[in-house]
């Protein structure tokens, strides 16, 4: 396998890649849109709005949180 030469890119480029990768799924865009409207995140509410299971929504929330796009506790 080849290696990724991330040291060849600027911090800004690496951060932008991280953010766009986190947002590169339509479910995550839908979750972010839902959260912008509601100003809070309750997983059950998201499950009621988006046709995904609770565990799938939780996984998407973790990706968004790890990228720094949302804050808070994911339970």
N, C-alpha and C. Protein backbone atom coordinates (compact mmCIF):
# COMPACT_ATOMS: atom_id res chain seq x y z
N UNK A 1 0.83 -1.19 0.00
CA UNK A 1 0.00 0.00 0.00
C UNK A 1 0.87 1.25 0.00
N UNK A 2 0.38 2.27 -0.64
CA UNK A 2 1.08 3.54 -0.65
C UNK A 2 0.80 4.32 0.62
N UNK A 3 1.64 5.26 0.90
CA UNK A 3 1.43 6.11 2.06
C UNK A 3 0.96 7.49 1.61
N UNK A 4 0.21 8.14 2.46
CA UNK A 4 -0.24 9.49 2.18
C UNK A 4 0.78 10.46 2.73
N UNK A 5 1.21 11.38 1.91
CA UNK A 5 2.23 12.34 2.34
C UNK A 5 1.54 13.62 2.81
N UNK A 6 0.90 13.54 3.97
CA UNK A 6 0.18 14.69 4.48
C UNK A 6 1.10 15.82 4.89
N UNK A 7 2.35 15.52 5.16
CA UNK A 7 3.28 16.58 5.56
C UNK A 7 3.61 17.51 4.39
N UNK A 8 3.17 17.16 3.21
CA UNK A 8 3.41 18.00 2.02
C UNK A 8 2.36 19.10 1.87
N UNK A 9 1.34 19.11 2.74
CA UNK A 9 0.24 20.06 2.63
C UNK A 9 0.19 20.98 3.84
N UNK A 10 -0.44 22.12 3.67
CA UNK A 10 -0.54 23.08 4.77
C UNK A 10 -1.58 22.60 5.78
N UNK A 11 -1.50 23.15 6.99
CA UNK A 11 -2.49 22.82 8.02
C UNK A 11 -3.89 23.21 7.55
N UNK A 12 -3.99 24.33 6.86
CA UNK A 12 -5.28 24.79 6.36
C UNK A 12 -5.85 23.78 5.35
N UNK A 13 -5.02 23.28 4.47
CA UNK A 13 -5.48 22.30 3.49
C UNK A 13 -5.90 21.00 4.16
N UNK A 14 -5.15 20.57 5.14
CA UNK A 14 -5.49 19.34 5.86
C UNK A 14 -6.81 19.49 6.63
N UNK A 15 -7.00 20.66 7.25
CA UNK A 15 -8.24 20.90 8.00
C UNK A 15 -9.44 20.95 7.05
N UNK A 16 -9.28 21.61 5.91
CA UNK A 16 -10.36 21.68 4.94
C UNK A 16 -10.72 20.28 4.45
N UNK A 17 -9.73 19.45 4.21
CA UNK A 17 -9.98 18.07 3.78
C UNK A 17 -10.74 17.29 4.86
N UNK A 18 -10.36 17.50 6.11
CA UNK A 18 -11.04 16.82 7.22
C UNK A 18 -12.51 17.25 7.30
N UNK A 19 -12.76 18.54 7.18
CA UNK A 19 -14.13 19.05 7.25
C UNK A 19 -14.98 18.56 6.09
N UNK A 20 -14.42 18.63 4.90
CA UNK A 20 -15.21 18.20 3.74
C UNK A 20 -15.46 16.69 3.75
N UNK A 21 -14.51 15.94 4.26
CA UNK A 21 -14.72 14.49 4.38
C UNK A 21 -15.85 14.20 5.37
N UNK A 22 -15.88 14.92 6.47
CA UNK A 22 -16.94 14.73 7.46
C UNK A 22 -18.31 15.10 6.90
N UNK A 23 -18.35 16.04 5.99
CA UNK A 23 -19.62 16.50 5.43
C UNK A 23 -19.97 15.80 4.12
N UNK A 24 -19.17 14.83 3.71
CA UNK A 24 -19.33 14.20 2.40
C UNK A 24 -20.37 13.10 2.36
N UNK A 25 -21.31 13.11 3.26
CA UNK A 25 -22.39 12.13 3.25
C UNK A 25 -23.71 12.89 3.37
N UNK A 26 -24.69 12.57 2.55
CA UNK A 26 -25.94 13.32 2.59
C UNK A 26 -26.65 13.27 3.94
N UNK A 27 -26.49 12.17 4.67
CA UNK A 27 -27.11 12.08 5.99
C UNK A 27 -26.50 13.10 6.94
N UNK A 28 -25.21 13.33 6.84
CA UNK A 28 -24.55 14.30 7.72
C UNK A 28 -24.98 15.72 7.37
N UNK A 29 -25.17 15.99 6.10
CA UNK A 29 -25.68 17.30 5.69
C UNK A 29 -27.09 17.48 6.26
N UNK A 30 -27.92 16.45 6.15
CA UNK A 30 -29.29 16.52 6.68
C UNK A 30 -29.28 16.73 8.19
N UNK A 31 -28.38 16.05 8.89
CA UNK A 31 -28.27 16.21 10.34
C UNK A 31 -27.86 17.64 10.69
N UNK A 32 -26.87 18.17 9.99
CA UNK A 32 -26.43 19.55 10.24
C UNK A 32 -27.55 20.54 9.97
N UNK A 33 -28.29 20.35 8.88
CA UNK A 33 -29.42 21.24 8.57
C UNK A 33 -30.48 21.17 9.67
N UNK A 34 -30.77 19.96 10.14
CA UNK A 34 -31.73 19.78 11.23
C UNK A 34 -31.26 20.50 12.49
N UNK A 35 -29.98 20.36 12.81
CA UNK A 35 -29.45 20.98 14.02
C UNK A 35 -29.42 22.50 13.92
N UNK A 36 -29.18 23.04 12.74
CA UNK A 36 -29.19 24.49 12.56
C UNK A 36 -30.58 25.03 12.85
N UNK A 37 -31.60 24.34 12.38
CA UNK A 37 -32.98 24.77 12.62
C UNK A 37 -33.38 24.65 14.09
N UNK A 38 -32.95 23.58 14.75
CA UNK A 38 -33.38 23.29 16.12
C UNK A 38 -32.46 23.86 17.19
N UNK A 39 -31.24 24.20 16.86
CA UNK A 39 -30.25 24.72 17.80
C UNK A 39 -29.93 23.74 18.93
N UNK A 40 -30.24 22.48 18.72
CA UNK A 40 -29.88 21.45 19.68
C UNK A 40 -29.91 20.10 18.97
N UNK A 41 -29.43 19.10 19.63
CA UNK A 41 -29.37 17.79 19.00
C UNK A 41 -29.87 16.74 19.98
N UNK A 42 -31.00 16.19 19.67
CA UNK A 42 -31.51 15.04 20.40
C UNK A 42 -31.64 13.93 19.37
N UNK A 43 -30.88 12.87 19.56
CA UNK A 43 -30.78 11.83 18.55
C UNK A 43 -32.15 11.30 18.14
N UNK A 44 -33.04 11.12 19.10
CA UNK A 44 -34.38 10.62 18.79
C UNK A 44 -35.14 11.54 17.85
N UNK A 45 -34.96 12.84 18.02
CA UNK A 45 -35.60 13.81 17.12
C UNK A 45 -35.04 13.68 15.71
N UNK A 46 -33.74 13.48 15.61
CA UNK A 46 -33.11 13.33 14.30
C UNK A 46 -33.63 12.05 13.63
N UNK A 47 -33.73 10.97 14.38
CA UNK A 47 -34.23 9.70 13.84
C UNK A 47 -35.65 9.86 13.32
N UNK A 48 -36.45 10.70 13.99
CA UNK A 48 -37.81 10.94 13.53
C UNK A 48 -37.86 11.70 12.21
N UNK A 49 -36.83 12.46 11.91
CA UNK A 49 -36.79 13.30 10.71
C UNK A 49 -36.02 12.68 9.54
N UNK A 50 -35.02 11.88 9.84
CA UNK A 50 -34.15 11.33 8.82
C UNK A 50 -34.35 9.81 8.80
N UNK A 51 -34.49 9.22 7.63
CA UNK A 51 -34.81 7.79 7.55
C UNK A 51 -33.62 6.87 7.84
N UNK A 52 -33.09 7.00 9.04
CA UNK A 52 -31.97 6.17 9.47
C UNK A 52 -32.22 5.64 10.86
N UNK A 53 -31.58 4.54 11.21
CA UNK A 53 -31.72 3.99 12.55
C UNK A 53 -30.96 4.86 13.56
N UNK A 54 -31.29 4.68 14.82
CA UNK A 54 -30.63 5.45 15.88
C UNK A 54 -29.14 5.19 15.90
N UNK A 55 -28.74 3.95 15.72
CA UNK A 55 -27.30 3.64 15.76
C UNK A 55 -26.56 4.29 14.59
N UNK A 56 -27.19 4.36 13.43
CA UNK A 56 -26.57 5.00 12.27
C UNK A 56 -26.46 6.50 12.49
N UNK A 57 -27.51 7.11 13.02
CA UNK A 57 -27.47 8.54 13.33
C UNK A 57 -26.36 8.82 14.34
N UNK A 58 -26.25 7.98 15.36
CA UNK A 58 -25.20 8.16 16.37
C UNK A 58 -23.81 8.09 15.75
N UNK A 59 -23.62 7.19 14.81
CA UNK A 59 -22.32 7.08 14.15
C UNK A 59 -22.02 8.33 13.34
N UNK A 60 -23.01 8.85 12.63
CA UNK A 60 -22.82 10.09 11.86
C UNK A 60 -22.53 11.27 12.80
N UNK A 61 -23.21 11.32 13.94
CA UNK A 61 -22.95 12.38 14.92
C UNK A 61 -21.51 12.31 15.42
N UNK A 62 -21.02 11.09 15.63
CA UNK A 62 -19.63 10.93 16.09
C UNK A 62 -18.64 11.48 15.06
N UNK A 63 -18.88 11.21 13.79
CA UNK A 63 -17.99 11.72 12.74
C UNK A 63 -18.01 13.24 12.73
N UNK A 64 -19.21 13.82 12.84
CA UNK A 64 -19.33 15.28 12.85
C UNK A 64 -18.64 15.87 14.08
N UNK A 65 -18.79 15.22 15.22
CA UNK A 65 -18.15 15.71 16.45
C UNK A 65 -16.63 15.59 16.36
N UNK A 66 -16.15 14.46 15.87
CA UNK A 66 -14.70 14.26 15.74
C UNK A 66 -14.06 15.30 14.83
N UNK A 67 -14.82 15.77 13.84
CA UNK A 67 -14.32 16.79 12.91
C UNK A 67 -14.46 18.19 13.50
N UNK A 68 -15.12 18.31 14.65
CA UNK A 68 -15.28 19.60 15.28
C UNK A 68 -16.45 20.41 14.75
N UNK A 69 -17.33 19.76 14.00
CA UNK A 69 -18.48 20.47 13.43
C UNK A 69 -19.64 20.60 14.42
N UNK A 70 -19.67 19.74 15.41
CA UNK A 70 -20.67 19.86 16.48
C UNK A 70 -19.97 19.64 17.81
N UNK A 71 -20.60 20.10 18.87
CA UNK A 71 -20.06 19.94 20.23
C UNK A 71 -21.11 19.24 21.07
N UNK A 72 -20.67 18.76 22.20
CA UNK A 72 -21.60 18.18 23.15
C UNK A 72 -21.32 16.71 23.39
N UNK A 73 -22.18 16.12 24.17
CA UNK A 73 -22.05 14.71 24.51
C UNK A 73 -22.92 13.88 23.58
N UNK A 74 -22.38 12.78 23.14
CA UNK A 74 -23.15 11.82 22.35
C UNK A 74 -23.33 10.61 23.22
N UNK A 75 -24.57 10.35 23.58
CA UNK A 75 -24.89 9.23 24.47
C UNK A 75 -25.63 8.16 23.71
